[in-house]
PDB file of N, CA and C in Angstrom:
ATOM      1  N   MET A   1     -10.832 -26.766  -1.757  1.00  0.00           N
ATOM      2  CA  MET A   1     -11.663 -26.821  -0.564  1.00  0.00           C
ATOM      3  C   MET A   1     -11.692 -25.439   0.085  1.00  0.00           C
ATOM      4  N   ALA A   2     -12.827 -25.112   0.589  1.00  0.00           N
ATOM      5  CA  ALA A   2     -13.019 -23.811   1.209  1.00  0.00           C
ATOM      6  C   ALA A   2     -12.401 -23.783   2.606  1.00  0.00           C
ATOM      7  N   HIS A   3     -12.229 -22.571   3.088  1.00  0.00           N
ATOM      8  CA  HIS A   3     -11.719 -22.385   4.445  1.00  0.00           C
ATOM      9  C   HIS A   3     -12.863 -22.479   5.440  1.00  0.00           C
ATOM     10  N   SER A   4     -12.521 -22.673   6.677  1.00  0.00           N
ATOM     11  CA  SER A   4     -13.502 -22.754   7.745  1.00  0.00           C
ATOM     12  C   SER A   4     -13.787 -21.359   8.290  1.00  0.00           C
ATOM     13  N   LEU A   5     -14.739 -21.281   9.221  1.00  0.00           N
ATOM     14  CA  LEU A   5     -15.092 -20.019   9.861  1.00  0.00           C
ATOM     15  C   LEU A   5     -13.895 -19.392  10.563  1.00  0.00           C
ATOM     16  N   SER A   6     -13.034 -20.221  11.096  1.00  0.00           N
ATOM     17  CA  SER A   6     -11.858 -19.759  11.832  1.00  0.00           C
ATOM     18  C   SER A   6     -10.618 -20.445  11.258  1.00  0.00           C
ATOM     19  N   PRO A   7      -9.532 -19.710  11.055  1.00  0.00           N
ATOM     20  CA  PRO A   7      -8.331 -20.313  10.464  1.00  0.00           C
ATOM     21  C   PRO A   7      -7.826 -21.552  11.202  1.00  0.00           C
ATOM     22  N   GLU A   8      -7.934 -21.576  12.533  1.00  0.00           N
ATOM     23  CA  GLU A   8      -7.440 -22.755  13.248  1.00  0.00           C
ATOM     24  C   GLU A   8      -8.315 -23.987  13.007  1.00  0.00           C
ATOM     25  N   CYS A   9      -9.526 -23.803  12.487  1.00  0.00           N
ATOM     26  CA  CYS A   9     -10.412 -24.928  12.184  1.00  0.00           C
ATOM     27  C   CYS A   9     -10.206 -25.462  10.763  1.00  0.00           C
ATOM     28  N   THR A  10      -9.560 -24.698   9.910  1.00  0.00           N
ATOM     29  CA  THR A  10      -9.432 -25.081   8.504  1.00  0.00           C
ATOM     30  C   THR A  10      -8.731 -26.423   8.299  1.00  0.00           C
ATOM     31  N   PRO A  11      -7.615 -26.727   8.982  1.00  0.00           N
ATOM     32  CA  PRO A  11      -7.017 -28.059   8.786  1.00  0.00           C
ATOM     33  C   PRO A  11      -7.968 -29.200   9.159  1.00  0.00           C
ATOM     34  N   LEU A  12      -8.740 -29.023  10.225  1.00  0.00           N
ATOM     35  CA  LEU A  12      -9.718 -30.042  10.607  1.00  0.00           C
ATOM     36  C   LEU A  12     -10.816 -30.161   9.555  1.00  0.00           C
ATOM     37  N   LYS A  13     -11.238 -29.029   8.999  1.00  0.00           N
ATOM     38  CA  LYS A  13     -12.256 -29.054   7.952  1.00  0.00           C
ATOM     39  C   LYS A  13     -11.756 -29.831   6.751  1.00  0.00           C
ATOM     40  N   HIS A  14     -10.537 -29.566   6.309  1.00  0.00           N
ATOM     41  CA  HIS A  14      -9.980 -30.275   5.157  1.00  0.00           C
ATOM     42  C   HIS A  14      -9.851 -31.772   5.446  1.00  0.00           C
ATOM     43  N   GLN A  15      -9.438 -32.099   6.650  1.00  0.00           N
ATOM     44  CA  GLN A  15      -9.312 -33.501   7.050  1.00  0.00           C
ATOM     45  C   GLN A  15     -10.685 -34.181   7.035  1.00  0.00           C
ATOM     46  N   TYR A  16     -11.684 -33.493   7.593  1.00  0.00           N
ATOM     47  CA  TYR A  16     -13.029 -34.066   7.617  1.00  0.00           C
ATOM     48  C   TYR A  16     -13.598 -34.183   6.206  1.00  0.00           C
ATOM     49  N   ASP A  17     -13.456 -33.138   5.396  1.00  0.00           N
ATOM     50  CA  ASP A  17     -13.971 -33.175   4.025  1.00  0.00           C
ATOM     51  C   ASP A  17     -13.395 -34.367   3.265  1.00  0.00           C
ATOM     52  N   ALA A  18     -12.091 -34.577   3.391  1.00  0.00           N
ATOM     53  CA  ALA A  18     -11.442 -35.696   2.692  1.00  0.00           C
ATOM     54  C   ALA A  18     -11.985 -37.037   3.195  1.00  0.00           C
ATOM     55  N   CYS A  19     -12.130 -37.165   4.506  1.00  0.00           N
ATOM     56  CA  CYS A  19     -12.645 -38.409   5.088  1.00  0.00           C
ATOM     57  C   CYS A  19     -14.077 -38.655   4.614  1.00  0.00           C
ATOM     58  N   PHE A  20     -14.920 -37.641   4.713  1.00  0.00           N
ATOM     59  CA  PHE A  20     -16.310 -37.793   4.313  1.00  0.00           C
ATOM     60  C   PHE A  20     -16.429 -38.139   2.832  1.00  0.00           C
ATOM     61  N   ASN A  21     -15.695 -37.436   1.986  1.00  0.00           N
ATOM     62  CA  ASN A  21     -15.779 -37.687   0.544  1.00  0.00           C
ATOM     63  C   ASN A  21     -15.372 -39.117   0.201  1.00  0.00           C
ATOM     64  N   THR A  22     -14.322 -39.621   0.841  1.00  0.00           N
ATOM     65  CA  THR A  22     -13.886 -40.991   0.613  1.00  0.00           C
ATOM     66  C   THR A  22     -14.960 -41.968   1.092  1.00  0.00           C
ATOM     67  N   TRP A  23     -15.495 -41.733   2.278  1.00  0.00           N
ATOM     68  CA  TRP A  23     -16.540 -42.599   2.814  1.00  0.00           C
ATOM     69  C   TRP A  23     -17.773 -42.568   1.915  1.00  0.00           C
ATOM     70  N   PHE A  24     -18.182 -41.386   1.473  1.00  0.00           N
ATOM     71  CA  PHE A  24     -19.395 -41.243   0.681  1.00  0.00           C
ATOM     72  C   PHE A  24     -19.268 -41.924  -0.678  1.00  0.00           C
ATOM     73  N   GLU A  25     -18.093 -41.875  -1.274  1.00  0.00           N
ATOM     74  CA  GLU A  25     -17.871 -42.600  -2.528  1.00  0.00           C
ATOM     75  C   GLU A  25     -18.115 -44.095  -2.321  1.00  0.00           C
ATOM     76  N   GLY A  26     -17.617 -44.629  -1.213  1.00  0.00           N
ATOM     77  CA  GLY A  26     -17.848 -46.031  -0.893  1.00  0.00           C
ATOM     78  C   GLY A  26     -19.306 -46.323  -0.617  1.00  0.00           C
ATOM     79  N   TYR A  27     -19.999 -45.363  -0.019  1.00  0.00           N
ATOM     80  CA  TYR A  27     -21.422 -45.522   0.274  1.00  0.00           C
ATOM     81  C   TYR A  27     -22.222 -45.634  -1.020  1.00  0.00           C
ATOM     82  N   LEU A  28     -21.846 -44.833  -2.014  1.00  0.00           N
ATOM     83  CA  LEU A  28     -22.565 -44.824  -3.291  1.00  0.00           C
ATOM     84  C   LEU A  28     -22.150 -45.942  -4.238  1.00  0.00           C
ATOM     85  N   GLU A  29     -21.005 -46.529  -3.988  1.00  0.00           N
ATOM     86  CA  GLU A  29     -20.444 -47.517  -4.918  1.00  0.00           C
ATOM     87  C   GLU A  29     -21.416 -48.626  -5.316  1.00  0.00           C
ATOM     88  N   PRO A  30     -22.133 -49.276  -4.393  1.00  0.00           N
ATOM     89  CA  PRO A  30     -23.050 -50.344  -4.822  1.00  0.00           C
ATOM     90  C   PRO A  30     -24.131 -49.847  -5.775  1.00  0.00           C
ATOM     91  N   ALA A  31     -24.625 -48.645  -5.569  1.00  0.00           N
ATOM     92  CA  ALA A  31     -25.667 -48.110  -6.443  1.00  0.00           C
ATOM     93  C   ALA A  31     -25.112 -47.815  -7.839  1.00  0.00           C
ATOM     94  N   ILE A  32     -23.857 -47.399  -7.899  1.00  0.00           N
ATOM     95  CA  ILE A  32     -23.235 -47.113  -9.190  1.00  0.00           C
ATOM     96  C   ILE A  32     -22.896 -48.420  -9.899  1.00  0.00           C
ATOM     97  N   ALA A  33     -22.366 -49.376  -9.151  1.00  0.00           N
ATOM     98  CA  ALA A  33     -21.980 -50.661  -9.736  1.00  0.00           C
ATOM     99  C   ALA A  33     -23.197 -51.445 -10.208  1.00  0.00           C
ATOM    100  N   ASN A  34     -24.316 -51.308  -9.496  1.00  0.00           N
ATOM    101  CA  ASN A  34     -25.527 -52.038  -9.844  1.00  0.00           C
ATOM    102  C   ASN A  34     -26.710 -51.079  -9.777  1.00  0.00           C
ATOM    103  N   PRO A  35     -26.988 -50.357 -10.881  1.00  0.00           N
ATOM    104  CA  PRO A  35     -28.069 -49.370 -10.835  1.00  0.00           C
ATOM    105  C   PRO A  35     -29.449 -49.992 -10.602  1.00  0.00           C
ATOM    106  N   ASN A  36     -29.591 -51.291 -10.811  1.00  0.00           N
ATOM    107  CA  ASN A  36     -30.872 -51.950 -10.589  1.00  0.00           C
ATOM    108  C   ASN A  36     -30.947 -52.463  -9.153  1.00  0.00           C
ATOM    109  N   THR A  37     -31.008 -51.535  -8.191  1.00  0.00           N
ATOM    110  CA  THR A  37     -31.040 -51.914  -6.770  1.00  0.00           C
ATOM    111  C   THR A  37     -32.452 -52.165  -6.271  1.00  0.00           C
ATOM    112  N   LYS A  38     -33.442 -52.110  -7.171  1.00  0.00           N
ATOM    113  CA  LYS A  38     -34.824 -52.341  -6.736  1.00  0.00           C
ATOM    114  C   LYS A  38     -35.026 -53.766  -6.244  1.00  0.00           C
ATOM    115  N   GLY A  39     -34.126 -54.688  -6.639  1.00  0.00           N
ATOM    116  CA  GLY A  39     -34.240 -56.067  -6.209  1.00  0.00           C
ATOM    117  C   GLY A  39     -33.817 -56.290  -4.773  1.00  0.00           C
ATOM    118  N   HIS A  40     -33.192 -55.307  -4.162  1.00  0.00           N
ATOM    119  CA  HIS A  40     -32.765 -55.456  -2.774  1.00  0.00           C
ATOM    120  C   HIS A  40     -33.945 -55.256  -1.839  1.00  0.00           C
ATOM    121  N   SER A  41     -33.993 -56.093  -0.832  1.00  0.00           N
ATOM    122  CA  SER A  41     -35.083 -55.983   0.132  1.00  0.00           C
ATOM    123  C   SER A  41     -34.861 -54.784   1.044  1.00  0.00           C
ATOM    124  N   GLN A  42     -35.929 -54.369   1.677  1.00  0.00           N
ATOM    125  CA  GLN A  42     -35.855 -53.275   2.650  1.00  0.00           C
ATOM    126  C   GLN A  42     -34.872 -53.647   3.766  1.00  0.00           C
ATOM    127  N   ALA A  43     -34.888 -54.900   4.211  1.00  0.00           N
ATOM    128  CA  ALA A  43     -33.995 -55.354   5.273  1.00  0.00           C
ATOM    129  C   ALA A  43     -32.528 -55.249   4.833  1.00  0.00           C
ATOM    130  N   GLN A  44     -32.252 -55.593   3.578  1.00  0.00           N
ATOM    131  CA  GLN A  44     -30.877 -55.488   3.067  1.00  0.00           C
ATOM    132  C   GLN A  44     -30.422 -54.030   3.040  1.00  0.00           C
ATOM    133  N   ARG A  45     -31.307 -53.138   2.617  1.00  0.00           N
ATOM    134  CA  ARG A  45     -30.951 -51.708   2.571  1.00  0.00           C
ATOM    135  C   ARG A  45     -30.725 -51.162   3.977  1.00  0.00           C
ATOM    136  N   ILE A  46     -31.549 -51.582   4.919  1.00  0.00           N
ATOM    137  CA  ILE A  46     -31.397 -51.123   6.302  1.00  0.00           C
ATOM    138  C   ILE A  46     -30.078 -51.633   6.874  1.00  0.00           C
ATOM    139  N   GLU A  47     -29.755 -52.889   6.649  1.00  0.00           N
ATOM    140  CA  GLU A  47     -28.506 -53.462   7.153  1.00  0.00           C
ATOM    141  C   GLU A  47     -27.301 -52.758   6.528  1.00  0.00           C
ATOM    142  N   TYR A  48     -27.353 -52.509   5.232  1.00  0.00           N
ATOM    143  CA  TYR A  48     -26.262 -51.815   4.544  1.00  0.00           C
ATOM    144  C   TYR A  48     -26.079 -50.416   5.137  1.00  0.00           C
ATOM    145  N   SER A  49     -27.172 -49.692   5.331  1.00  0.00           N
ATOM    146  CA  SER A  49     -27.088 -48.349   5.908  1.00  0.00           C
ATOM    147  C   SER A  49     -26.504 -48.385   7.316  1.00  0.00           C
ATOM    148  N   LYS A  50     -26.894 -49.385   8.094  1.00  0.00           N
ATOM    149  CA  LYS A  50     -26.361 -49.533   9.456  1.00  0.00           C
ATOM    150  C   LYS A  50     -24.852 -49.772   9.418  1.00  0.00           C
ATOM    151  N   GLN A  51     -24.414 -50.653   8.537  1.00  0.00           N
ATOM    152  CA  GLN A  51     -22.978 -50.936   8.408  1.00  0.00           C
ATOM    153  C   GLN A  51     -22.212 -49.691   7.970  1.00  0.00           C
ATOM    154  N   LYS A  52     -22.777 -48.946   7.029  1.00  0.00           N
ATOM    155  CA  LYS A  52     -22.085 -47.746   6.534  1.00  0.00           C
ATOM    156  C   LYS A  52     -22.040 -46.665   7.608  1.00  0.00           C
ATOM    157  N   LYS A  53     -23.065 -46.564   8.446  1.00  0.00           N
ATOM    158  CA  LYS A  53     -23.039 -45.591   9.537  1.00  0.00           C
ATOM    159  C   LYS A  53     -21.946 -45.951  10.531  1.00  0.00           C
ATOM    160  N   GLU A  54     -21.841 -47.240  10.855  1.00  0.00           N
ATOM    161  CA  GLU A  54     -20.791 -47.679  11.776  1.00  0.00           C
ATOM    162  C   GLU A  54     -19.405 -47.410  11.184  1.00  0.00           C
ATOM    163  N   GLU A  55     -19.257 -47.642   9.881  1.00  0.00           N
ATOM    164  CA  GLU A  55     -17.990 -47.352   9.215  1.00  0.00           C
ATOM    165  C   GLU A  55     -17.673 -45.861   9.279  1.00  0.00           C
ATOM    166  N   TYR A  56     -18.681 -45.017   9.032  1.00  0.00           N
ATOM    167  CA  TYR A  56     -18.496 -43.569   9.113  1.00  0.00           C
ATOM    168  C   TYR A  56     -18.049 -43.166  10.521  1.00  0.00           C
ATOM    169  N   ASP A  57     -18.736 -43.694  11.519  1.00  0.00           N
ATOM    170  CA  ASP A  57     -18.381 -43.366  12.908  1.00  0.00           C
ATOM    171  C   ASP A  57     -16.931 -43.737  13.213  1.00  0.00           C
ATOM    172  N   ARG A  58     -16.504 -44.924  12.752  1.00  0.00           N
ATOM    173  CA  ARG A  58     -15.123 -45.375  12.988  1.00  0.00           C
ATOM    174  C   ARG A  58     -14.101 -44.490  12.271  1.00  0.00           C
ATOM    175  N   LYS A  59     -14.381 -44.179  11.022  1.00  0.00           N
ATOM    176  CA  LYS A  59     -13.390 -43.489  10.203  1.00  0.00           C
ATOM    177  C   LYS A  59     -13.429 -41.969  10.336  1.00  0.00           C
ATOM    178  N   CYS A  60     -14.612 -41.400  10.427  1.00  0.00           N
ATOM    179  CA  CYS A  60     -14.740 -39.938  10.362  1.00  0.00           C
ATOM    180  C   CYS A  60     -15.357 -39.300  11.603  1.00  0.00           C
ATOM    181  N   GLY A  61     -15.960 -40.092  12.462  1.00  0.00           N
ATOM    182  CA  GLY A  61     -16.699 -39.540  13.593  1.00  0.00           C
ATOM    183  C   GLY A  61     -15.883 -38.659  14.514  1.00  0.00           C
ATOM    184  N   SER A  62     -14.666 -39.097  14.862  1.00  0.00           N
ATOM    185  CA  SER A  62     -13.856 -38.295  15.790  1.00  0.00           C
ATOM    186  C   SER A  62     -13.365 -37.009  15.127  1.00  0.00           C
ATOM    187  N   ILE A  63     -13.079 -37.072  13.837  1.00  0.00           N
ATOM    188  CA  ILE A  63     -12.656 -35.862  13.112  1.00  0.00           C
ATOM    189  C   ILE A  63     -13.816 -34.867  13.084  1.00  0.00           C
ATOM    190  N   TRP A  64     -15.030 -35.370  12.794  1.00  0.00           N
ATOM    191  CA  TRP A  64     -16.201 -34.509  12.771  1.00  0.00           C
ATOM    192  C   TRP A  64     -16.405 -33.840  14.140  1.00  0.00           C
ATOM    193  N   ALA A  65     -16.282 -34.601  15.217  1.00  0.00           N
ATOM    194  CA  ALA A  65     -16.493 -34.053  16.561  1.00  0.00           C
ATOM    195  C   ALA A  65     -15.485 -32.950  16.858  1.00  0.00           C
ATOM    196  N   GLU A  66     -14.216 -33.168  16.507  1.00  0.00           N
ATOM    197  CA  GLU A  66     -13.190 -32.133  16.716  1.00  0.00           C
ATOM    198  C   GLU A  66     -13.486 -30.883  15.902  1.00  0.00           C
ATOM    199  N   TYR A  67     -13.839 -31.081  14.639  1.00  0.00           N
ATOM    200  CA  TYR A  67     -14.126 -29.938  13.769  1.00  0.00           C
ATOM    201  C   TYR A  67     -15.343 -29.167  14.276  1.00  0.00           C
ATOM    202  N   LYS A  68     -16.401 -29.885  14.641  1.00  0.00           N
ATOM    203  CA  LYS A  68     -17.615 -29.246  15.156  1.00  0.00           C
ATOM    204  C   LYS A  68     -17.312 -28.431  16.415  1.00  0.00           C
ATOM    205  N   ASP A  69     -16.525 -28.997  17.331  1.00  0.00           N
ATOM    206  CA  ASP A  69     -16.156 -28.278  18.557  1.00  0.00           C
ATOM    207  C   ASP A  69     -15.375 -27.009  18.231  1.00  0.00           C
ATOM    208  N   CYS A  70     -14.461 -27.106  17.270  1.00  0.00           N
ATOM    209  CA  CYS A  70     -13.663 -25.949  16.873  1.00  0.00           C
ATOM    210  C   CYS A  70     -14.560 -24.841  16.306  1.00  0.00           C
ATOM    211  N   VAL A  71     -15.492 -25.219  15.445  1.00  0.00           N
ATOM    212  CA  VAL A  71     -16.393 -24.233  14.840  1.00  0.00           C
ATOM    213  C   VAL A  71     -17.306 -23.629  15.901  1.00  0.00           C
ATOM    214  N   GLN A  72     -17.806 -24.448  16.818  1.00  0.00           N
ATOM    215  CA  GLN A  72     -18.676 -23.922  17.874  1.00  0.00           C
ATOM    216  C   GLN A  72     -17.929 -22.905  18.737  1.00  0.00           C
ATOM    217  N   LYS A  73     -16.669 -23.196  19.009  1.00  0.00           N
ATOM    218  CA  LYS A  73     -15.839 -22.252  19.775  1.00  0.00           C
ATOM    219  C   LYS A  73     -15.688 -20.946  18.992  1.00  0.00           C
ATOM    220  N   ALA A  74     -15.446 -21.039  17.694  1.00  0.00           N
ATOM    221  CA  ALA A  74     -15.296 -19.843  16.853  1.00  0.00           C
ATOM    222  C   ALA A  74     -16.599 -19.041  16.796  1.00  0.00           C
ATOM    223  N   VAL A  75     -17.724 -19.729  16.729  1.00  0.00           N
ATOM    224  CA  VAL A  75     -19.027 -19.054  16.713  1.00  0.00           C
ATOM    225  C   VAL A  75     -19.197 -18.240  17.994  1.00  0.00           C
ATOM    226  N   THR A  76     -18.845 -18.843  19.125  1.00  0.00           N
ATOM    227  CA  THR A  76     -18.953 -18.154  20.412  1.00  0.00           C
ATOM    228  C   THR A  76     -18.000 -16.965  20.469  1.00  0.00           C
ATOM    229  N   GLU A  77     -16.741 -17.177  20.072  1.00  0.00           N
ATOM    230  CA  GLU A  77     -15.743 -16.108  20.113  1.00  0.00           C
ATOM    231  C   GLU A  77     -16.107 -14.936  19.204  1.00  0.00           C
ATOM    232  N   LYS A  78     -16.767 -15.213  18.093  1.00  0.00           N
ATOM    233  CA  LYS A  78     -17.140 -14.159  17.153  1.00  0.00           C
ATOM    234  C   LYS A  78     -18.504 -13.545  17.482  1.00  0.00           C
ATOM    235  N   GLY A  79     -19.136 -14.027  18.543  1.00  0.00           N
ATOM    236  CA  GLY A  79     -20.422 -13.485  18.966  1.00  0.00           C
ATOM    237  C   GLY A  79     -21.565 -13.788  18.011  1.00  0.00           C
ATOM    238  N   LEU A  80     -21.519 -14.929  17.361  1.00  0.00           N
ATOM    239  CA  LEU A  80     -22.539 -15.280  16.377  1.00  0.00           C
ATOM    240  C   LEU A  80     -23.651 -16.167  16.936  1.00  0.00           C
ATOM    241  N   GLY A  81     -23.532 -16.558  18.189  1.00  0.00           N
ATOM    242  CA  GLY A  81     -24.522 -17.457  18.791  1.00  0.00           C
ATOM    243  C   GLY A  81     -25.922 -16.895  18.757  1.00  0.00           C
ATOM    244  N   GLY A  82     -26.088 -15.627  19.070  1.00  0.00           N
ATOM    245  CA  GLY A  82     -27.409 -14.992  19.056  1.00  0.00           C
ATOM    246  C   GLY A  82     -28.027 -14.992  17.671  1.00  0.00           C
ATOM    247  N   LEU A  83     -27.215 -14.691  16.661  1.00  0.00           N
ATOM    248  CA  LEU A  83     -27.727 -14.700  15.290  1.00  0.00           C
ATOM    249  C   LEU A  83     -28.153 -16.096  14.848  1.00  0.00           C
ATOM    250  N   LEU A  84     -27.371 -17.103  15.230  1.00  0.00           N
ATOM    251  CA  LEU A  84     -27.740 -18.476  14.896  1.00  0.00           C
ATOM    252  C   LEU A  84     -29.041 -18.886  15.571  1.00  0.00           C
ATOM    253  N   ASN A  85     -29.185 -18.539  16.839  1.00  0.00           N
ATOM    254  CA  ASN A  85     -30.421 -18.870  17.554  1.00  0.00           C
ATOM    255  C   ASN A  85     -31.623 -18.183  16.919  1.00  0.00           C
ATOM    256  N   GLN A  86     -31.454 -16.922  16.528  1.00  0.00           N
ATOM    257  CA  GLN A  86     -32.539 -16.188  15.871  1.00  0.00           C
ATOM    258  C   GLN A  86     -32.906 -16.856  14.543  1.00  0.00           C
ATOM    259  N   ALA A  87     -31.899 -17.230  13.769  1.00  0.00           N
ATOM    260  CA  ALA A  87     -32.155 -17.896  12.479  1.00  0.00           C
ATOM    261  C   ALA A  87     -32.874 -19.223  12.692  1.00  0.00           C
ATOM    262  N   ARG A  88     -32.488 -19.964  13.735  1.00  0.00           N
ATOM    263  CA  ARG A  88     -33.145 -21.253  14.023  1.00  0.00           C
ATOM    264  C   ARG A  88     -34.605 -21.057  14.421  1.00  0.00           C
ATOM    265  N   GLN A  89     -34.899 -19.969  15.125  1.00  0.00           N
ATOM    266  CA  GLN A  89     -36.277 -19.700  15.511  1.00  0.00           C
ATOM    267  C   GLN A  89     -37.108 -19.264  14.308  1.00  0.00           C
ATOM    268  N   GLU A  90     -36.506 -18.446  13.444  1.00  0.00           N
ATOM    269  CA  GLU A  90     -37.232 -17.944  12.273  1.00  0.00           C
ATOM    270  C   GLU A  90     -37.417 -19.019  11.207  1.00  0.00           C
ATOM    271  N   ASN A  91     -36.458 -19.921  11.083  1.00  0.00           N
ATOM    272  CA  ASN A  91     -36.496 -20.964  10.059  1.00  0.00           C
ATOM    273  C   ASN A  91     -36.080 -22.302  10.664  1.00  0.00           C
ATOM    274  N   PRO A  92     -36.934 -22.881  11.507  1.00  0.00           N
ATOM    275  CA  PRO A  92     -36.553 -24.141  12.164  1.00  0.00           C
ATOM    276  C   PRO A  92     -36.422 -25.275  11.146  1.00  0.00           C
ATOM    277  N   LEU A  93     -35.514 -26.198  11.453  1.00  0.00           N
ATOM    278  CA  LEU A  93     -35.391 -27.394  10.627  1.00  0.00           C
ATOM    279  C   LEU A  93     -36.624 -28.245  10.849  1.00  0.00           C
ATOM    280  N   ARG A  94     -37.099 -28.825   9.788  1.00  0.00           N
ATOM    281  CA  ARG A  94     -38.271 -29.685   9.881  1.00  0.00           C
ATOM    282  C   ARG A  94     -37.887 -31.094   9.472  1.00  0.00           C
ATOM    283  N   GLU A  95     -38.625 -32.046  10.001  1.00  0.00           N
ATOM    284  CA  GLU A  95     -38.416 -33.442   9.623  1.00  0.00           C
ATOM    285  C   GLU A  95     -38.839 -33.608   8.168  1.00  0.00           C
ATOM    286  N   PRO A  96     -38.050 -34.337   7.391  1.00  0.00           N
ATOM    287  CA  PRO A  96     -38.466 -34.573   6.005  1.00  0.00           C
ATOM    288  C   PRO A  96     -39.675 -35.501   5.972  1.00  0.00           C
ATOM    289  N   PRO A  97     -40.445 -35.438   4.890  1.00  0.00           N
ATOM    290  CA  PRO A  97     -41.586 -36.361   4.807  1.00  0.00           C
ATOM    291  C   PRO A  97     -41.075 -37.787   4.711  1.00  0.00           C
ATOM    292  N   PRO A  98     -41.854 -38.739   5.191  1.00  0.00           N
ATOM    293  CA  PRO A  98     -41.407 -40.140   5.118  1.00  0.00           C
ATOM    294  C   PRO A  98     -41.291 -40.566   3.661  1.00  0.00           C
ATOM    295  N   PRO A  99     -40.376 -41.502   3.382  1.00  0.00           N
ATOM    296  CA  PRO A  99     -40.235 -41.961   1.992  1.00  0.00           C
ATOM    297  C   PRO A  99     -41.482 -42.702   1.543  1.00  0.00           C
ATOM    298  N   ASP A 100     -41.720 -42.635   0.256  1.00  0.00           N
ATOM    299  CA  ASP A 100     -42.865 -43.342  -0.338  1.00  0.00           C
ATOM    300  C   ASP A 100     -42.478 -44.810  -0.484  1.00  0.00           C
ATOM    301  N   VAL A 101     -42.971 -45.635   0.401  1.00  0.00           N
ATOM    302  CA  VAL A 101     -42.601 -47.056   0.390  1.00  0.00           C
ATOM    303  C   VAL A 101     -43.443 -47.881  -0.577  1.00  0.00           C
ATOM    304  N   SER A 102     -44.430 -47.253  -1.195  1.00  0.00           N
ATOM    305  CA  SER A 102     -45.290 -47.995  -2.117  1.00  0.00           C
ATOM    306  C   SER A 102     -44.607 -48.234  -3.446  1.00  0.00           C
ATOM    307  N   GLY A 103     -43.511 -47.480  -3.718  1.00  0.00           N
ATOM    308  CA  GLY A 103     -42.785 -47.648  -4.971  1.00  0.00           C
ATOM    309  C   GLY A 103     -43.263 -46.732  -6.065  1.00  0.00           C
ATOM    310  N   SER A 104     -44.370 -46.009  -5.818  1.00  0.00           N
ATOM    311  CA  SER A 104     -44.842 -45.070  -6.842  1.00  0.00           C
ATOM    312  C   SER A 104     -44.218 -43.714  -6.616  1.00  0.00           C
ATOM    313  N   SER A 105     -44.086 -42.964  -7.688  1.00  0.00           N
ATOM    314  CA  SER A 105     -43.488 -41.635  -7.576  1.00  0.00           C
ATOM    315  C   SER A 105     -44.487 -40.554  -7.862  1.00  0.00           C
TER     316      SER A 105
END
């Protein structure tokens, strides 16, 4: 695992990475166990995603918040806030296109 922006954030990063990786494996498990998930209804997929988000929040949410706060503090201390703002203005994040619900690719 890589180090964080600031050495004092690295233990939190490792803790979060481990939590996320464990959670994500569980998130993918149904798709791996049953690759033919096309039979699941949209409502079932939405409910599953909702449950997995709640599980993530319970298990990893507080670790993520601590790690994010630590990194934000390091960004400020290292004077990187201006560069980040400039990068966000030059290359803003965009909303992804909506999924193709018709089933065609």
